């Protein structure tokens, strides 16, 4: 964690978003097609995570998302879409194919 108390705890780690460590770990256990995968979340790092593993990212305005969207003035670079909530993100994915 960036604010880790010890050097070991604060060292950079691919397991923390936007690093792709979680995606790579999941791919080791499941047949995942990253090109057809999505990361949906309420932080800029969630969108970057999706792009980082070769998928796409969607920002939702729930949780921290409205603040992220406002702070970035609607210009979240790399976001495939910005949705009001998870249902909106899911509906958009189903329509987008």
PDB file of N, CA and C in Angstrom:
ATOM      1  N   UNK A   1       0.840  -1.181   0.000  1.00  0.00           N
ATOM      2  CA  UNK A   1       0.000   0.000   0.000  1.00  0.00           C
ATOM      3  C   UNK A   1       0.885   1.244   0.000  1.00  0.00           C
ATOM      4  N   UNK A   2       0.524   2.271  -0.760  1.00  0.00           N
ATOM      5  CA  UNK A   2       1.353   3.479  -0.829  1.00  0.00           C
ATOM      6  C   UNK A   2       1.651   4.117   0.533  1.00  0.00           C
ATOM      7  N   UNK A   3       0.763   3.924   1.494  1.00  0.00           N
ATOM      8  CA  UNK A   3       0.987   4.493   2.827  1.00  0.00           C
ATOM      9  C   UNK A   3       1.361   3.393   3.827  1.00  0.00           C
ATOM     10  N   UNK A   4       1.970   2.325   3.336  1.00  0.00           N
ATOM     11  CA  UNK A   4       2.360   1.215   4.201  1.00  0.00           C
ATOM     12  C   UNK A   4       3.361   1.642   5.251  1.00  0.00           C
ATOM     13  N   UNK A   5       3.288   1.041   6.403  1.00  0.00           N
ATOM     14  CA  UNK A   5       4.163   1.397   7.519  1.00  0.00           C
ATOM     15  C   UNK A   5       5.570   0.873   7.296  1.00  0.00           C
ATOM     16  N   UNK A   6       5.689  -0.316   6.739  1.00  0.00           N
ATOM     17  CA  UNK A   6       7.003  -0.893   6.496  1.00  0.00           C
ATOM     18  C   UNK A   6       7.368  -0.760   5.014  1.00  0.00           C
ATOM     19  N   UNK A   7       8.650  -0.851   4.712  1.00  0.00           N
ATOM     20  CA  UNK A   7       9.101  -0.767   3.322  1.00  0.00           C
ATOM     21  C   UNK A   7       8.467  -1.881   2.489  1.00  0.00           C
ATOM     22  N   UNK A   8       8.368  -3.076   3.062  1.00  0.00           N
ATOM     23  CA  UNK A   8       7.766  -4.202   2.345  1.00  0.00           C
ATOM     24  C   UNK A   8       6.301  -3.921   2.009  1.00  0.00           C
ATOM     25  N   UNK A   9       5.579  -3.333   2.950  1.00  0.00           N
ATOM     26  CA  UNK A   9       4.159  -3.063   2.746  1.00  0.00           C
ATOM     27  C   UNK A   9       3.914  -1.911   1.778  1.00  0.00           C
ATOM     28  N   UNK A  10       4.876  -1.023   1.602  1.00  0.00           N
ATOM     29  CA  UNK A  10       4.671   0.122   0.720  1.00  0.00           C
ATOM     30  C   UNK A  10       5.368  -0.032  -0.626  1.00  0.00           C
ATOM     31  N   UNK A  11       5.987  -1.174  -0.888  1.00  0.00           N
ATOM     32  CA  UNK A  11       6.657  -1.407  -2.168  1.00  0.00           C
ATOM     33  C   UNK A  11       5.628  -1.541  -3.287  1.00  0.00           C
ATOM     34  N   UNK A  12       5.961  -1.068  -4.478  1.00  0.00           N
ATOM     35  CA  UNK A  12       5.037  -1.237  -5.613  1.00  0.00           C
ATOM     36  C   UNK A  12       4.725  -2.719  -5.827  1.00  0.00           C
ATOM     37  N   UNK A  13       3.487  -2.996  -6.195  1.00  0.00           N
ATOM     38  CA  UNK A  13       3.050  -4.384  -6.375  1.00  0.00           C
ATOM     39  C   UNK A  13       2.054  -4.444  -7.525  1.00  0.00           C
ATOM     40  N   UNK A  14       2.246  -5.378  -8.442  1.00  0.00           N
ATOM     41  CA  UNK A  14       1.318  -5.560  -9.557  1.00  0.00           C
ATOM     42  C   UNK A  14      -0.055  -6.016  -9.074  1.00  0.00           C
ATOM     43  N   UNK A  15      -0.149  -6.452  -7.817  1.00  0.00           N
ATOM     44  CA  UNK A  15      -1.420  -6.927  -7.283  1.00  0.00           C
ATOM     45  C   UNK A  15      -2.354  -5.779  -6.899  1.00  0.00           C
ATOM     46  N   UNK A  16      -1.840  -4.552  -6.895  1.00  0.00           N
ATOM     47  CA  UNK A  16      -2.682  -3.388  -6.593  1.00  0.00           C
ATOM     48  C   UNK A  16      -3.081  -2.696  -7.880  1.00  0.00           C
ATOM     49  N   UNK A  17      -4.351  -2.345  -8.020  1.00  0.00           N
ATOM     50  CA  UNK A  17      -4.799  -1.634  -9.212  1.00  0.00           C
ATOM     51  C   UNK A  17      -4.048  -0.303  -9.320  1.00  0.00           C
ATOM     52  N   UNK A  18      -3.693   0.107 -10.492  1.00  0.00           N
ATOM     53  CA  UNK A  18      -4.097  -0.435 -11.782  1.00  0.00           C
ATOM     54  C   UNK A  18      -3.203  -1.547 -12.329  1.00  0.00           C
ATOM     55  N   UNK A  19      -2.295  -2.079 -11.532  1.00  0.00           N
ATOM     56  CA  UNK A  19      -1.482  -3.212 -11.974  1.00  0.00           C
ATOM     57  C   UNK A  19      -2.358  -4.388 -12.374  1.00  0.00           C
ATOM     58  N   UNK A  20      -1.856  -5.228 -13.231  1.00  0.00           N
ATOM     59  CA  UNK A  20      -2.679  -6.313 -13.767  1.00  0.00           C
ATOM     60  C   UNK A  20      -2.524  -7.631 -13.024  1.00  0.00           C
ATOM     61  N   UNK A  21      -1.895  -7.615 -11.874  1.00  0.00           N
ATOM     62  CA  UNK A  21      -1.652  -8.846 -11.132  1.00  0.00           C
ATOM     63  C   UNK A  21      -2.897  -9.648 -10.826  1.00  0.00           C
ATOM     64  N   UNK A  22      -3.981  -8.983 -10.430  1.00  0.00           N
ATOM     65  CA  UNK A  22      -5.229  -9.714 -10.128  1.00  0.00           C
ATOM     66  C   UNK A  22      -5.769 -10.395 -11.378  1.00  0.00           C
ATOM     67  N   UNK A  23      -5.671  -9.734 -12.518  1.00  0.00           N
ATOM     68  CA  UNK A  23      -6.147 -10.326 -13.771  1.00  0.00           C
ATOM     69  C   UNK A  23      -5.298 -11.530 -14.147  1.00  0.00           C
ATOM     70  N   UNK A  24      -3.985 -11.400 -14.018  1.00  0.00           N
ATOM     71  CA  UNK A  24      -3.098 -12.511 -14.344  1.00  0.00           C
ATOM     72  C   UNK A  24      -3.336 -13.700 -13.420  1.00  0.00           C
ATOM     73  N   UNK A  25      -3.598 -13.430 -12.154  1.00  0.00           N
ATOM     74  CA  UNK A  25      -3.884 -14.504 -11.197  1.00  0.00           C
ATOM     75  C   UNK A  25      -5.186 -15.219 -11.580  1.00  0.00           C
ATOM     76  N   UNK A  26      -6.195 -14.459 -11.956  1.00  0.00           N
ATOM     77  CA  UNK A  26      -7.459 -15.069 -12.374  1.00  0.00           C
ATOM     78  C   UNK A  26      -7.270 -15.884 -13.651  1.00  0.00           C
ATOM     79  N   UNK A  27      -6.456 -15.384 -14.573  1.00  0.00           N
ATOM     80  CA  UNK A  27      -6.217 -16.095 -15.837  1.00  0.00           C
ATOM     81  C   UNK A  27      -5.506 -17.420 -15.610  1.00  0.00           C
ATOM     82  N   UNK A  28      -4.739 -17.522 -14.541  1.00  0.00           N
ATOM     83  CA  UNK A  28      -4.048 -18.776 -14.234  1.00  0.00           C
ATOM     84  C   UNK A  28      -5.032 -19.866 -13.818  1.00  0.00           C
ATOM     85  N   UNK A  29      -6.208 -19.468 -13.344  1.00  0.00           N
ATOM     86  CA  UNK A  29      -7.202 -20.436 -12.877  1.00  0.00           C
ATOM     87  C   UNK A  29      -8.393 -20.599 -13.818  1.00  0.00           C
ATOM     88  N   UNK A  30      -8.645 -19.598 -14.633  1.00  0.00           N
ATOM     89  CA  UNK A  30      -9.835 -19.615 -15.486  1.00  0.00           C
ATOM     90  C   UNK A  30      -9.451 -19.240 -16.913  1.00  0.00           C
ATOM     91  N   UNK A  31     -10.222 -19.713 -17.865  1.00  0.00           N
ATOM     92  CA  UNK A  31      -9.996 -19.361 -19.273  1.00  0.00           C
ATOM     93  C   UNK A  31     -10.634 -17.996 -19.518  1.00  0.00           C
ATOM     94  N   UNK A  32      -9.816 -16.955 -19.466  1.00  0.00           N
ATOM     95  CA  UNK A  32     -10.320 -15.590 -19.603  1.00  0.00           C
ATOM     96  C   UNK A  32      -9.829 -14.996 -20.918  1.00  0.00           C
ATOM     97  N   UNK A  33     -10.743 -14.443 -21.677  1.00  0.00           N
ATOM     98  CA  UNK A  33     -10.404 -13.722 -22.895  1.00  0.00           C
ATOM     99  C   UNK A  33     -10.359 -12.240 -22.522  1.00  0.00           C
ATOM    100  N   UNK A  34      -9.165 -11.735 -22.269  1.00  0.00           N
ATOM    101  CA  UNK A  34      -9.033 -10.354 -21.812  1.00  0.00           C
ATOM    102  C   UNK A  34      -9.593  -9.349 -22.820  1.00  0.00           C
ATOM    103  N   UNK A  35      -9.496  -9.641 -24.091  1.00  0.00           N
ATOM    104  CA  UNK A  35     -10.004  -8.720 -25.108  1.00  0.00           C
ATOM    105  C   UNK A  35     -11.524  -8.559 -25.019  1.00  0.00           C
ATOM    106  N   UNK A  36     -12.201  -9.530 -24.417  1.00  0.00           N
ATOM    107  CA  UNK A  36     -13.654  -9.463 -24.257  1.00  0.00           C
ATOM    108  C   UNK A  36     -14.055  -9.193 -22.816  1.00  0.00           C
ATOM    109  N   UNK A  37     -13.096  -8.761 -22.003  1.00  0.00           N
ATOM    110  CA  UNK A  37     -13.346  -8.563 -20.572  1.00  0.00           C
ATOM    111  C   UNK A  37     -13.482  -7.085 -20.225  1.00  0.00           C
ATOM    112  N   UNK A  38     -14.147  -6.851 -19.110  1.00  0.00           N
ATOM    113  CA  UNK A  38     -14.431  -5.499 -18.640  1.00  0.00           C
ATOM    114  C   UNK A  38     -14.024  -5.357 -17.174  1.00  0.00           C
ATOM    115  N   UNK A  39     -13.598  -4.164 -16.813  1.00  0.00           N
ATOM    116  CA  UNK A  39     -13.417  -3.799 -15.406  1.00  0.00           C
ATOM    117  C   UNK A  39     -14.389  -2.656 -15.147  1.00  0.00           C
ATOM    118  N   UNK A  40     -15.221  -2.819 -14.157  1.00  0.00           N
ATOM    119  CA  UNK A  40     -16.217  -1.804 -13.814  1.00  0.00           C
ATOM    120  C   UNK A  40     -15.944  -1.363 -12.391  1.00  0.00           C
ATOM    121  N   UNK A  41     -15.833  -0.059 -12.189  1.00  0.00           N
ATOM    122  CA  UNK A  41     -15.589   0.422 -10.848  1.00  0.00           C
ATOM    123  C   UNK A  41     -15.815   1.904 -10.712  1.00  0.00           C
ATOM    124  N   UNK A  42     -15.632   2.383  -9.495  1.00  0.00           N
ATOM    125  CA  UNK A  42     -15.920   3.786  -9.189  1.00  0.00           C
ATOM    126  C   UNK A  42     -14.656   4.643  -9.045  1.00  0.00           C
ATOM    127  N   UNK A  43     -13.532   4.125  -9.525  1.00  0.00           N
ATOM    128  CA  UNK A  43     -12.267   4.870  -9.445  1.00  0.00           C
ATOM    129  C   UNK A  43     -11.559   4.865 -10.792  1.00  0.00           C
ATOM    130  N   UNK A  44     -10.772   5.884 -11.017  1.00  0.00           N
ATOM    131  CA  UNK A  44      -9.953   5.984 -12.228  1.00  0.00           C
ATOM    132  C   UNK A  44      -9.089   4.740 -12.369  1.00  0.00           C
ATOM    133  N   UNK A  45      -8.567   4.236 -11.254  1.00  0.00           N
ATOM    134  CA  UNK A  45      -7.692   3.067 -11.317  1.00  0.00           C
ATOM    135  C   UNK A  45      -8.426   1.813 -11.810  1.00  0.00           C
ATOM    136  N   UNK A  46      -9.736   1.747 -11.623  1.00  0.00           N
ATOM    137  CA  UNK A  46     -10.502   0.613 -12.131  1.00  0.00           C
ATOM    138  C   UNK A  46     -10.519   0.622 -13.660  1.00  0.00           C
ATOM    139  N   UNK A  47     -10.678   1.819 -14.227  1.00  0.00           N
ATOM    140  CA  UNK A  47     -10.655   1.966 -15.687  1.00  0.00           C
ATOM    141  C   UNK A  47      -9.256   1.640 -16.212  1.00  0.00           C
ATOM    142  N   UNK A  48      -8.237   2.153 -15.552  1.00  0.00           N
ATOM    143  CA  UNK A  48      -6.860   1.876 -15.966  1.00  0.00           C
ATOM    144  C   UNK A  48      -6.538   0.388 -15.851  1.00  0.00           C
ATOM    145  N   UNK A  49      -7.068  -0.265 -14.835  1.00  0.00           N
ATOM    146  CA  UNK A  49      -6.890  -1.704 -14.658  1.00  0.00           C
ATOM    147  C   UNK A  49      -7.430  -2.458 -15.869  1.00  0.00           C
ATOM    148  N   UNK A  50      -8.638  -2.126 -16.298  1.00  0.00           N
ATOM    149  CA  UNK A  50      -9.233  -2.777 -17.467  1.00  0.00           C
ATOM    150  C   UNK A  50      -8.385  -2.600 -18.710  1.00  0.00           C
ATOM    151  N   UNK A  51      -7.924  -1.408 -18.930  1.00  0.00           N
ATOM    152  CA  UNK A  51      -7.068  -1.149 -20.091  1.00  0.00           C
ATOM    153  C   UNK A  51      -5.735  -1.867 -19.950  1.00  0.00           C
ATOM    154  N   UNK A  52      -5.233  -1.954 -18.731  1.00  0.00           N
ATOM    155  CA  UNK A  52      -3.928  -2.554 -18.478  1.00  0.00           C
ATOM    156  C   UNK A  52      -3.859  -4.040 -18.779  1.00  0.00           C
ATOM    157  N   UNK A  53      -4.962  -4.757 -18.601  1.00  0.00           N
ATOM    158  CA  UNK A  53      -4.928  -6.187 -18.903  1.00  0.00           C
ATOM    159  C   UNK A  53      -5.419  -6.478 -20.317  1.00  0.00           C
ATOM    160  N   UNK A  54      -5.701  -5.425 -21.081  1.00  0.00           N
ATOM    161  CA  UNK A  54      -6.119  -5.609 -22.466  1.00  0.00           C
ATOM    162  C   UNK A  54      -7.614  -5.624 -22.669  1.00  0.00           C
ATOM    163  N   UNK A  55      -8.346  -5.279 -21.631  1.00  0.00           N
ATOM    164  CA  UNK A  55      -9.802  -5.212 -21.714  1.00  0.00           C
ATOM    165  C   UNK A  55     -10.246  -3.762 -21.812  1.00  0.00           C
ATOM    166  N   UNK A  56     -11.421  -3.505 -21.304  1.00  0.00           N
ATOM    167  CA  UNK A  56     -11.972  -2.158 -21.306  1.00  0.00           C
ATOM    168  C   UNK A  56     -12.493  -1.828 -19.913  1.00  0.00           C
ATOM    169  N   UNK A  57     -12.539  -0.542 -19.617  1.00  0.00           N
ATOM    170  CA  UNK A  57     -12.988  -0.104 -18.303  1.00  0.00           C
ATOM    171  C   UNK A  57     -14.187   0.816 -18.373  1.00  0.00           C
ATOM    172  N   UNK A  58     -15.057   0.680 -17.394  1.00  0.00           N
ATOM    173  CA  UNK A  58     -16.235   1.531 -17.263  1.00  0.00           C
ATOM    174  C   UNK A  58     -16.232   2.130 -15.868  1.00  0.00           C
ATOM    175  N   UNK A  59     -16.444   3.430 -15.803  1.00  0.00           N
ATOM    176  CA  UNK A  59     -16.588   4.114 -14.517  1.00  0.00           C
ATOM    177  C   UNK A  59     -18.064   4.183 -14.174  1.00  0.00           C
ATOM    178  N   UNK A  60     -18.419   3.831 -12.937  1.00  0.00           N
ATOM    179  CA  UNK A  60     -19.785   4.020 -12.457  1.00  0.00           C
ATOM    180  C   UNK A  60     -19.789   5.196 -11.486  1.00  0.00           C
ATOM    181  N   UNK A  61     -20.861   5.974 -11.507  1.00  0.00           N
ATOM    182  CA  UNK A  61     -20.939   7.185 -10.687  1.00  0.00           C
ATOM    183  C   UNK A  61     -21.374   6.894  -9.252  1.00  0.00           C
ATOM    184  N   UNK A  62     -21.607   5.640  -8.901  1.00  0.00           N
ATOM    185  CA  UNK A  62     -21.932   5.305  -7.519  1.00  0.00           C
ATOM    186  C   UNK A  62     -20.641   5.317  -6.704  1.00  0.00           C
ATOM    187  N   UNK A  63     -20.758   5.282  -5.390  1.00  0.00           N
ATOM    188  CA  UNK A  63     -19.567   5.299  -4.540  1.00  0.00           C
ATOM    189  C   UNK A  63     -18.732   6.553  -4.796  1.00  0.00           C
ATOM    190  N   UNK A  64     -17.452   6.361  -5.104  1.00  0.00           N
ATOM    191  CA  UNK A  64     -16.555   7.475  -5.377  1.00  0.00           C
ATOM    192  C   UNK A  64     -16.669   7.975  -6.813  1.00  0.00           C
ATOM    193  N   UNK A  65     -17.415   7.269  -7.658  1.00  0.00           N
ATOM    194  CA  UNK A  65     -17.446   7.545  -9.084  1.00  0.00           C
ATOM    195  C   UNK A  65     -17.906   8.932  -9.480  1.00  0.00           C
ATOM    196  N   UNK A  66     -18.925   9.467  -8.803  1.00  0.00           N
ATOM    197  CA  UNK A  66     -19.404  10.803  -9.156  1.00  0.00           C
ATOM    198  C   UNK A  66     -18.305  11.830  -8.913  1.00  0.00           C
ATOM    199  N   UNK A  67     -17.592  11.686  -7.810  1.00  0.00           N
ATOM    200  CA  UNK A  67     -16.478  12.584  -7.517  1.00  0.00           C
ATOM    201  C   UNK A  67     -15.352  12.441  -8.528  1.00  0.00           C
ATOM    202  N   UNK A  68     -15.039  11.211  -8.913  1.00  0.00           N
ATOM    203  CA  UNK A  68     -13.998  10.971  -9.918  1.00  0.00           C
ATOM    204  C   UNK A  68     -14.404  11.605 -11.242  1.00  0.00           C
ATOM    205  N   UNK A  69     -15.657  11.411 -11.641  1.00  0.00           N
ATOM    206  CA  UNK A  69     -16.150  11.958 -12.899  1.00  0.00           C
ATOM    207  C   UNK A  69     -16.094  13.481 -12.878  1.00  0.00           C
ATOM    208  N   UNK A  70     -16.519  14.088 -11.763  1.00  0.00           N
ATOM    209  CA  UNK A  70     -16.489  15.541 -11.643  1.00  0.00           C
ATOM    210  C   UNK A  70     -15.059  16.070 -11.601  1.00  0.00           C
ATOM    211  N   UNK A  71     -14.210  15.391 -10.842  1.00  0.00           N
ATOM    212  CA  UNK A  71     -12.813  15.822 -10.716  1.00  0.00           C
ATOM    213  C   UNK A  71     -12.101  15.772 -12.060  1.00  0.00           C
ATOM    214  N   UNK A  72     -12.438  14.797 -12.864  1.00  0.00           N
ATOM    215  CA  UNK A  72     -11.803  14.642 -14.170  1.00  0.00           C
ATOM    216  C   UNK A  72     -12.604  15.340 -15.269  1.00  0.00           C
ATOM    217  N   UNK A  73     -13.609  16.119 -14.859  1.00  0.00           N
ATOM    218  CA  UNK A  73     -14.435  16.931 -15.761  1.00  0.00           C
ATOM    219  C   UNK A  73     -15.008  16.109 -16.918  1.00  0.00           C
ATOM    220  N   UNK A  74     -15.405  14.861 -16.629  1.00  0.00           N
ATOM    221  CA  UNK A  74     -15.989  14.033 -17.671  1.00  0.00           C
ATOM    222  C   UNK A  74     -14.998  13.570 -18.724  1.00  0.00           C
ATOM    223  N   UNK A  75     -13.734  13.802 -18.510  1.00  0.00           N
ATOM    224  CA  UNK A  75     -12.701  13.443 -19.494  1.00  0.00           C
ATOM    225  C   UNK A  75     -11.837  12.302 -18.984  1.00  0.00           C
ATOM    226  N   UNK A  76     -12.460  11.256 -18.521  1.00  0.00           N
ATOM    227  CA  UNK A  76     -11.729  10.104 -18.005  1.00  0.00           C
ATOM    228  C   UNK A  76     -11.093   9.379 -19.181  1.00  0.00           C
ATOM    229  N   UNK A  77      -9.832   9.585 -19.358  1.00  0.00           N
ATOM    230  CA  UNK A  77      -9.122   9.022 -20.498  1.00  0.00           C
ATOM    231  C   UNK A  77      -9.157   7.502 -20.473  1.00  0.00           C
ATOM    232  N   UNK A  78      -9.562   6.931 -21.573  1.00  0.00           N
ATOM    233  CA  UNK A  78      -9.546   5.488 -21.709  1.00  0.00           C
ATOM    234  C   UNK A  78     -10.808   4.786 -21.254  1.00  0.00           C
ATOM    235  N   UNK A  79     -11.746   5.505 -20.666  1.00  0.00           N
ATOM    236  CA  UNK A  79     -12.985   4.851 -20.243  1.00  0.00           C
ATOM    237  C   UNK A  79     -13.832   4.545 -21.470  1.00  0.00           C
ATOM    238  N   UNK A  80     -14.287   3.312 -21.573  1.00  0.00           N
ATOM    239  CA  UNK A  80     -15.172   2.942 -22.667  1.00  0.00           C
ATOM    240  C   UNK A  80     -16.538   3.602 -22.481  1.00  0.00           C
ATOM    241  N   UNK A  81     -16.887   3.839 -21.213  1.00  0.00           N
ATOM    242  CA  UNK A  81     -18.199   4.395 -20.916  1.00  0.00           C
ATOM    243  C   UNK A  81     -18.208   4.879 -19.466  1.00  0.00           C
ATOM    244  N   UNK A  82     -19.066   5.838 -19.164  1.00  0.00           N
ATOM    245  CA  UNK A  82     -19.334   6.264 -17.789  1.00  0.00           C
ATOM    246  C   UNK A  82     -20.824   6.032 -17.564  1.00  0.00           C
ATOM    247  N   UNK A  83     -21.156   5.222 -16.573  1.00  0.00           N
ATOM    248  CA  UNK A  83     -22.546   4.852 -16.306  1.00  0.00           C
ATOM    249  C   UNK A  83     -22.965   5.360 -14.930  1.00  0.00           C
ATOM    250  N   UNK A  84     -24.262   5.520 -14.750  1.00  0.00           N
ATOM    251  CA  UNK A  84     -24.770   5.971 -13.453  1.00  0.00           C
ATOM    252  C   UNK A  84     -24.588   4.922 -12.365  1.00  0.00           C
ATOM    253  N   UNK A  85     -24.689   3.642 -12.731  1.00  0.00           N
ATOM    254  CA  UNK A  85     -24.589   2.566 -11.746  1.00  0.00           C
ATOM    255  C   UNK A  85     -24.221   1.262 -12.444  1.00  0.00           C
ATOM    256  N   UNK A  86     -24.123   0.194 -11.674  1.00  0.00           N
ATOM    257  CA  UNK A  86     -23.724  -1.097 -12.222  1.00  0.00           C
ATOM    258  C   UNK A  86     -24.730  -1.613 -13.253  1.00  0.00           C
ATOM    259  N   UNK A  87     -26.007  -1.415 -13.008  1.00  0.00           N
ATOM    260  CA  UNK A  87     -27.016  -1.857 -13.971  1.00  0.00           C
ATOM    261  C   UNK A  87     -26.857  -1.102 -15.290  1.00  0.00           C
ATOM    262  N   UNK A  88     -26.585   0.176 -15.208  1.00  0.00           N
ATOM    263  CA  UNK A  88     -26.364   0.959 -16.426  1.00  0.00           C
ATOM    264  C   UNK A  88     -25.130   0.488 -17.180  1.00  0.00           C
ATOM    265  N   UNK A  89     -24.070   0.159 -16.456  1.00  0.00           N
ATOM    266  CA  UNK A  89     -22.852  -0.358 -17.085  1.00  0.00           C
ATOM    267  C   UNK A  89     -23.129  -1.690 -17.756  1.00  0.00           C
ATOM    268  N   UNK A  90     -23.860  -2.564 -17.065  1.00  0.00           N
ATOM    269  CA  UNK A  90     -24.184  -3.881 -17.612  1.00  0.00           C
ATOM    270  C   UNK A  90     -25.035  -3.752 -18.867  1.00  0.00           C
ATOM    271  N   UNK A  91     -26.034  -2.904 -18.830  1.00  0.00           N
ATOM    272  CA  UNK A  91     -26.899  -2.690 -19.989  1.00  0.00           C
ATOM    273  C   UNK A  91     -26.083  -2.167 -21.170  1.00  0.00           C
ATOM    274  N   UNK A  92     -25.171  -1.244 -20.910  1.00  0.00           N
ATOM    275  CA  UNK A  92     -24.341  -0.686 -21.975  1.00  0.00           C
ATOM    276  C   UNK A  92     -23.461  -1.773 -22.597  1.00  0.00           C
ATOM    277  N   UNK A  93     -22.869  -2.623 -21.778  1.00  0.00           N
ATOM    278  CA  UNK A  93     -22.034  -3.714 -22.291  1.00  0.00           C
ATOM    279  C   UNK A  93     -22.866  -4.642 -23.181  1.00  0.00           C
ATOM    280  N   UNK A  94     -24.053  -4.993 -22.751  1.00  0.00           N
ATOM    281  CA  UNK A  94     -24.903  -5.899 -23.527  1.00  0.00           C
ATOM    282  C   UNK A  94     -25.308  -5.281 -24.851  1.00  0.00           C
ATOM    283  N   UNK A  95     -25.542  -3.983 -24.888  1.00  0.00           N
ATOM    284  CA  UNK A  95     -25.875  -3.309 -26.136  1.00  0.00           C
ATOM    285  C   UNK A  95     -24.649  -3.158 -27.028  1.00  0.00           C
ATOM    286  N   UNK A  96     -23.486  -2.913 -26.425  1.00  0.00           N
ATOM    287  CA  UNK A  96     -22.258  -2.683 -27.199  1.00  0.00           C
ATOM    288  C   UNK A  96     -21.736  -3.962 -27.837  1.00  0.00           C
ATOM    289  N   UNK A  97     -22.104  -5.087 -27.232  1.00  0.00           N
ATOM    290  CA  UNK A  97     -21.648  -6.375 -27.768  1.00  0.00           C
ATOM    291  C   UNK A  97     -20.317  -6.667 -27.322  1.00  0.00           C
TER     292      UNK A  97
END
